[in-house]
C-alpha cells in the first residue's frame, strides 16, 4: 500500500507543483494518472519513489512514512521502481542483456540467478530476441521496453512509469500496454502517467485526473469522465469508446446494467451480441 497524504511540493523559486494532494495506491492495481501538462503528474511519481521530498505532508509505504536517509531510500527503491519518460536517461550498457542485468546483479543475485531473471523479464515484455542487441541500435519503442525491463527485473512491488506510451505509434502502444498487463498479472502494482485517454480507459483499474495541482477526480474508468465541466476546465477530452457507449446507453441501445465496453474489441462484441437493437444496428451497417 502506498499512500500520498496531504502533500504539497514547490520547486525552487516558489513554483508550486502540488497542493494538498492525497491519493491511495491499492496493492496489485493498475492506476493511470491523467491531466494536462503542468498538472503535477511527473512530480507526484518522483515523490513516490523518494527522488524529491514533500514540502508538506508525507508519503507512506505500508502505513509507515518513508525515510529519506540512505538506508531508507535504498529500501524504498527496491520496492518502488520508476521508469523515466525518456529511455535514454536510463540505458547505459552496451547490450540489452547487460543493461537489464545491472539491477539484479547490483542487489546481490548470482550471475546465474540474474541471467534467469533477465531472460524471464525480456520474455514477459516480448523482447527476448533483443537480448544481445546493442542498445544504440534499438528503435525508440524497443528502448522504452528495455528501460522498463531494467526496472521490472528488480521485481519491485510497485512500478511507476512516466508517460510510457509517449512517442510510440498506435501498434507500439497496444503492445506496450499488453506487456504491462502481463507484468500486472504477476502481482506488480503499476502506476503510470499518460495523455493517452483511450489507452488509459482500456487499461486501468482506476483513473486519477489531475488539474490545478491537485487530484480533481479519482475512481473507476467508467465513472471519472462523467463530469463534463471538470474536463472542459482542464482542457481534456473523453475517450472515444466512452463517448460512444455513453450515447448508446442514453438511447437504450446498450443495456445500462451491463459493464461499459472499454476498448474497440469489447465495444464491437457488445454491439454484435444477441438479438437486440444494437445487433440490428450492426447488421444494417
Protein backbone atom coordinates (compact mmCIF):
# COMPACT_ATOMS: atom_id res chain seq x y z
CA UNK A 1 0.00 0.00 0.00
CA UNK A 2 1.34 3.41 -0.98
CA UNK A 3 -0.37 6.50 0.43
CA UNK A 4 0.13 10.13 -0.53
CA UNK A 5 -1.20 12.16 2.40
CA UNK A 6 -1.94 15.90 2.09
CA UNK A 7 1.24 16.51 0.10
CA UNK A 8 2.45 19.90 -1.09
CA UNK A 9 5.51 20.41 -3.24
CA UNK A 10 7.11 23.58 -4.58
CA UNK A 11 10.15 23.81 -6.84
CA UNK A 12 12.96 26.29 -6.12
CA UNK A 13 11.79 29.82 -6.65
CA UNK A 14 8.40 29.10 -5.08
CA UNK A 15 6.84 27.41 -8.12
CA UNK A 16 4.00 25.34 -6.65
CA UNK A 17 3.63 21.91 -8.30
CA UNK A 18 1.26 20.08 -5.93
CA UNK A 19 -1.18 21.32 -3.34
CA UNK A 20 -2.84 19.16 -0.67
CA UNK A 21 -2.66 16.02 -2.80
CA UNK A 22 -3.98 12.81 -1.25
CA UNK A 23 -4.08 9.57 -3.22
CA UNK A 24 -4.00 5.92 -2.22
CA UNK A 25 -2.41 3.28 -4.45
CA UNK A 26 -4.05 -0.10 -3.90
CA UNK A 27 -1.98 -3.31 -3.93
CA UNK A 28 -1.97 -5.06 -7.30
CA UNK A 29 -3.93 -2.40 -9.17
CA UNK A 30 -3.27 -0.66 -12.47
CA UNK A 31 -3.65 3.08 -11.82
CA UNK A 32 -3.49 5.66 -14.62
CA UNK A 33 -2.89 9.32 -13.80
CA UNK A 34 -4.24 11.77 -16.40
CA UNK A 35 -4.06 15.51 -16.64
CA UNK A 36 -2.83 18.42 -18.75
CA UNK A 37 0.82 19.46 -18.92
CA UNK A 38 1.91 21.11 -15.70
CA UNK A 39 -0.74 19.38 -13.58
CA UNK A 40 1.91 17.73 -11.36
CA UNK A 41 1.81 14.14 -12.64
CA UNK A 42 5.56 13.64 -13.01
CA UNK A 43 6.22 15.45 -9.75
CA UNK A 44 3.93 13.01 -7.98
CA UNK A 45 5.83 9.99 -9.34
CA UNK A 46 9.19 11.40 -8.26
CA UNK A 47 7.74 11.96 -4.78
CA UNK A 48 6.51 8.36 -4.71
CA UNK A 49 9.97 6.92 -5.25
CA UNK A 50 11.74 9.37 -2.95
CA UNK A 51 13.63 11.35 -5.60
CA UNK A 52 12.21 14.54 -4.08
CA UNK A 53 10.71 15.19 -0.65
CA UNK A 54 7.33 16.83 0.06
CA UNK A 55 7.25 20.42 1.26
CA UNK A 56 4.34 19.34 3.48
CA UNK A 57 2.53 16.07 4.13
CA UNK A 58 4.05 12.62 3.77
CA UNK A 59 4.37 9.51 1.61
CA UNK A 60 3.59 6.25 3.42
CA UNK A 61 4.53 2.74 2.36
CA UNK A 62 2.55 0.04 4.18
CA UNK A 63 1.27 2.71 6.61
CA UNK A 64 4.77 3.90 7.56
CA UNK A 65 6.24 7.25 6.46
CA UNK A 66 9.16 6.68 4.12
CA UNK A 67 12.61 7.53 5.46
CA UNK A 68 14.89 9.81 3.45
CA UNK A 69 18.24 8.64 4.78
CA UNK A 70 20.41 6.43 2.58
CA UNK A 71 19.17 3.15 4.04
CA UNK A 72 15.53 4.25 3.87
CA UNK A 73 15.73 5.32 0.23
CA UNK A 74 17.59 2.15 -0.73
CA UNK A 75 14.85 0.05 0.86
CA UNK A 76 12.14 2.17 -0.79
CA UNK A 77 13.60 1.85 -4.29
CA UNK A 78 13.87 -1.90 -4.02
CA UNK A 79 10.09 -1.93 -3.61
CA UNK A 80 9.13 1.11 -5.72
CA UNK A 81 10.80 1.27 -9.14
CA UNK A 82 10.45 4.15 -11.58
CA UNK A 83 10.84 4.27 -15.37
CA UNK A 84 11.56 7.72 -16.81
CA UNK A 85 9.82 9.15 -19.86
CA UNK A 86 12.98 9.22 -21.99
CA UNK A 87 14.54 5.72 -22.11
CA UNK A 88 17.93 7.21 -23.00
CA UNK A 89 18.05 8.62 -19.45
CA UNK A 90 18.22 5.03 -18.14
CA UNK A 91 20.03 2.93 -20.74
CA UNK A 92 23.81 2.89 -20.42
CA UNK A 93 25.20 -0.62 -21.04
CA UNK A 94 26.48 -1.93 -24.37
CA UNK A 95 23.83 -4.63 -24.87
CA UNK A 96 20.24 -5.17 -23.77
CA UNK A 97 21.20 -8.17 -21.61
CA UNK A 98 23.95 -6.22 -19.82
CA UNK A 99 21.66 -3.27 -19.22
CA UNK A 100 18.78 -5.28 -17.77
CA UNK A 101 21.10 -7.44 -15.65
CA UNK A 102 22.70 -4.46 -13.91
CA UNK A 103 19.99 -4.10 -11.26
CA UNK A 104 19.67 -7.78 -10.31
CA UNK A 105 23.47 -8.12 -10.03
CA UNK A 106 23.66 -4.91 -8.01
CA UNK A 107 21.30 -6.31 -5.35
CA UNK A 108 23.40 -9.42 -4.86
CA UNK A 109 21.98 -12.06 -7.20
CA UNK A 110 24.44 -14.59 -8.56
CA UNK A 111 25.24 -14.35 -12.29
CA UNK A 112 23.07 -17.44 -12.89
CA UNK A 113 20.13 -16.04 -10.88
CA UNK A 114 20.46 -12.65 -12.58
CA UNK A 115 20.60 -14.22 -16.05
CA UNK A 116 17.49 -16.30 -15.36
CA UNK A 117 15.62 -13.24 -14.15
CA UNK A 118 16.73 -11.13 -17.11
CA UNK A 119 15.63 -13.74 -19.65
CA UNK A 120 12.24 -14.15 -17.91
CA UNK A 121 11.73 -10.39 -17.84
CA UNK A 122 12.62 -9.95 -21.51
CA UNK A 123 10.18 -12.70 -22.45
CA UNK A 124 7.43 -11.08 -20.35
CA UNK A 125 7.93 -7.83 -22.28
CA UNK A 126 8.18 -9.71 -25.61
CA UNK A 127 11.74 -8.57 -26.33
CA UNK A 128 13.63 -11.81 -25.71
CA UNK A 129 15.06 -11.64 -29.22
CA UNK A 130 16.81 -8.36 -28.36
CA UNK A 131 18.98 -9.77 -25.55
CA UNK A 132 22.29 -9.45 -27.42
CA UNK A 133 21.33 -6.36 -29.44
CA UNK A 134 23.46 -3.23 -28.84
CA UNK A 135 21.30 -0.66 -27.07
CA UNK A 136 22.30 2.08 -29.53
CA UNK A 137 20.79 0.03 -32.38
CA UNK A 138 17.30 -0.17 -30.89
CA UNK A 139 14.24 1.72 -32.09
CA UNK A 140 12.62 4.21 -29.72
CA UNK A 141 9.86 1.75 -28.82
CA UNK A 142 12.39 -1.03 -28.19
CA UNK A 143 14.43 1.28 -25.95
CA UNK A 144 11.26 2.04 -23.99
CA UNK A 145 10.66 -1.65 -23.35
CA UNK A 146 14.27 -2.28 -22.40
CA UNK A 147 14.17 0.61 -19.89
CA UNK A 148 11.02 -0.91 -18.38
CA UNK A 149 12.65 -4.35 -18.33
CA UNK A 150 15.59 -2.95 -16.36
CA UNK A 151 13.23 -1.96 -13.55
CA UNK A 152 10.89 -4.97 -13.81
CA UNK A 153 13.92 -7.28 -13.45
CA UNK A 154 14.39 -5.80 -9.96
CA UNK A 155 10.93 -7.22 -9.13
CA UNK A 156 9.58 -4.10 -7.38
CA UNK A 157 6.24 -4.32 -5.62
CA UNK A 158 5.21 -1.05 -7.29
CA UNK A 159 6.21 0.06 -10.80
CA UNK A 160 5.95 3.76 -11.68
CA UNK A 161 6.04 4.80 -15.34
CA UNK A 162 6.17 8.38 -16.60
CA UNK A 163 4.44 8.70 -19.99
CA UNK A 164 5.39 5.17 -21.16
CA UNK A 165 3.35 5.47 -24.38
CA UNK A 166 4.74 8.88 -25.42
CA UNK A 167 6.41 8.75 -28.83
CA UNK A 168 5.08 5.29 -29.73
CA UNK A 169 3.00 4.52 -32.80
CA UNK A 170 -0.52 3.04 -32.25
CA UNK A 171 0.68 -0.57 -32.57
CA UNK A 172 3.54 0.16 -30.19
CA UNK A 173 1.07 1.49 -27.63
CA UNK A 174 -1.07 -1.66 -27.93
CA UNK A 175 1.96 -3.93 -27.48
CA UNK A 176 3.31 -1.95 -24.53
CA UNK A 177 0.01 -1.87 -22.64
CA UNK A 178 -0.41 -5.60 -23.26
CA UNK A 179 3.05 -6.21 -21.81
CA UNK A 180 2.19 -4.10 -18.77
CA UNK A 181 -0.97 -6.16 -18.27
CA UNK A 182 1.23 -9.24 -18.17
CA UNK A 183 3.56 -7.62 -15.63
CA UNK A 184 0.49 -6.71 -13.56
CA UNK A 185 -0.76 -10.31 -13.72
CA UNK A 186 2.41 -11.35 -11.87
CA UNK A 187 1.31 -9.24 -8.89
CA UNK A 188 3.07 -5.94 -9.57
CA UNK A 189 1.20 -2.73 -8.78
CA UNK A 190 1.53 -0.33 -11.72
CA UNK A 191 1.07 3.45 -11.70
CA UNK A 192 1.54 5.36 -14.94
CA UNK A 193 1.05 8.90 -16.15
CA UNK A 194 -0.25 9.45 -19.66
CA UNK A 195 -2.04 11.79 -22.07
CA UNK A 196 -3.49 8.77 -23.90
CA UNK A 197 -7.13 8.91 -22.76
CA UNK A 198 -8.24 5.93 -24.84
CA UNK A 199 -5.34 3.74 -23.74
CA UNK A 200 -5.84 4.61 -20.08
CA UNK A 201 -9.57 3.90 -20.30
CA UNK A 202 -8.92 0.47 -21.83
CA UNK A 203 -6.05 -0.47 -19.49
CA UNK A 204 -6.55 0.92 -15.99
CA UNK A 205 -8.41 -0.45 -12.99
CA UNK A 206 -8.70 3.12 -11.64
CA UNK A 207 -8.02 6.56 -13.06
CA UNK A 208 -6.94 9.71 -11.22
CA UNK A 209 -7.37 13.02 -13.05
CA UNK A 210 -5.04 15.83 -12.01
CA UNK A 211 -5.62 19.51 -12.50
CA UNK A 212 -4.70 22.79 -10.83
CA UNK A 213 -2.00 20.99 -8.79
CA UNK A 214 -4.38 18.59 -7.04
CA UNK A 215 -6.48 15.48 -7.63
CA UNK A 216 -9.63 16.63 -9.41
CA UNK A 217 -11.24 13.19 -9.59
CA UNK A 218 -10.36 9.55 -8.90
CA UNK A 219 -12.42 6.42 -9.48
CA UNK A 220 -13.37 3.63 -11.85
CA UNK A 221 -12.67 4.32 -15.56
CA UNK A 222 -16.41 4.22 -16.38
CA UNK A 223 -17.14 6.94 -13.79
CA UNK A 224 -14.36 9.55 -13.86
CA UNK A 225 -15.39 11.02 -17.22
CA UNK A 226 -18.94 11.89 -16.13
CA UNK A 227 -18.05 15.44 -15.05
CA UNK A 228 -18.08 17.34 -18.35
CA UNK A 229 -17.48 20.72 -16.70
CA UNK A 230 -14.33 19.45 -14.99
CA UNK A 231 -12.96 18.02 -18.24
CA UNK A 232 -13.60 21.27 -20.10
CA UNK A 233 -11.90 23.25 -17.34
CA UNK A 234 -8.82 21.02 -17.64
CA UNK A 235 -8.92 21.04 -21.49
CA UNK A 236 -9.33 17.26 -21.59
CA UNK A 237 -11.50 15.10 -23.79
CA UNK A 238 -13.35 11.90 -23.07
CA UNK A 239 -12.18 8.56 -24.53
CA UNK A 240 -13.97 7.87 -27.81
CA UNK A 241 -15.22 4.43 -26.68
CA UNK A 242 -16.64 6.03 -23.51
CA UNK A 243 -18.48 8.68 -25.56
CA UNK A 244 -19.98 6.17 -27.99
CA UNK A 245 -21.02 3.71 -25.28
CA UNK A 246 -22.50 6.52 -23.16
CA UNK A 247 -24.55 7.79 -26.12
CA UNK A 248 -25.86 4.31 -26.95
CA UNK A 249 -26.78 3.77 -23.30
CA UNK A 250 -28.75 7.01 -23.28
CA UNK A 251 -30.65 5.90 -26.38
CA UNK A 252 -31.42 2.48 -24.91
CA UNK A 253 -29.32 0.58 -27.43
CA UNK A 254 -26.90 -0.68 -24.77
CA UNK A 255 -28.32 -2.02 -21.52
CA UNK A 256 -27.08 0.35 -18.76
CA UNK A 257 -26.90 -2.62 -16.36
CA UNK A 258 -24.12 -4.18 -18.44
CA UNK A 259 -20.49 -3.15 -17.91
CA UNK A 260 -19.37 -0.37 -20.21
CA UNK A 261 -17.05 -1.57 -23.01
CA UNK A 262 -13.50 -0.34 -22.51
CA UNK A 263 -11.89 -0.84 -25.91
CA UNK A 264 -12.77 -1.30 -29.58
CA UNK A 265 -12.95 -5.10 -29.36
CA UNK A 266 -15.31 -5.04 -26.37
CA UNK A 267 -17.44 -2.35 -28.00
CA UNK A 268 -17.92 -4.26 -31.25
CA UNK A 269 -18.51 -7.51 -29.37
CA UNK A 270 -21.24 -5.88 -27.30
CA UNK A 271 -22.93 -4.40 -30.36
CA UNK A 272 -22.82 -7.71 -32.20
CA UNK A 273 -24.04 -9.97 -29.38
CA UNK A 274 -27.54 -11.39 -29.32
CA UNK A 275 -30.90 -10.29 -30.69
CA UNK A 276 -31.13 -6.66 -29.58
CA UNK A 277 -31.35 -3.20 -31.16
CA UNK A 278 -27.56 -2.95 -31.18
CA UNK A 279 -27.13 -6.13 -33.22
CA UNK A 280 -29.81 -4.90 -35.65
CA UNK A 281 -27.89 -1.65 -35.97
CA UNK A 282 -24.68 -3.56 -36.72
CA UNK A 283 -26.43 -5.75 -39.29
CA UNK A 284 -27.70 -2.68 -41.09
CA UNK A 285 -24.22 -1.13 -41.45
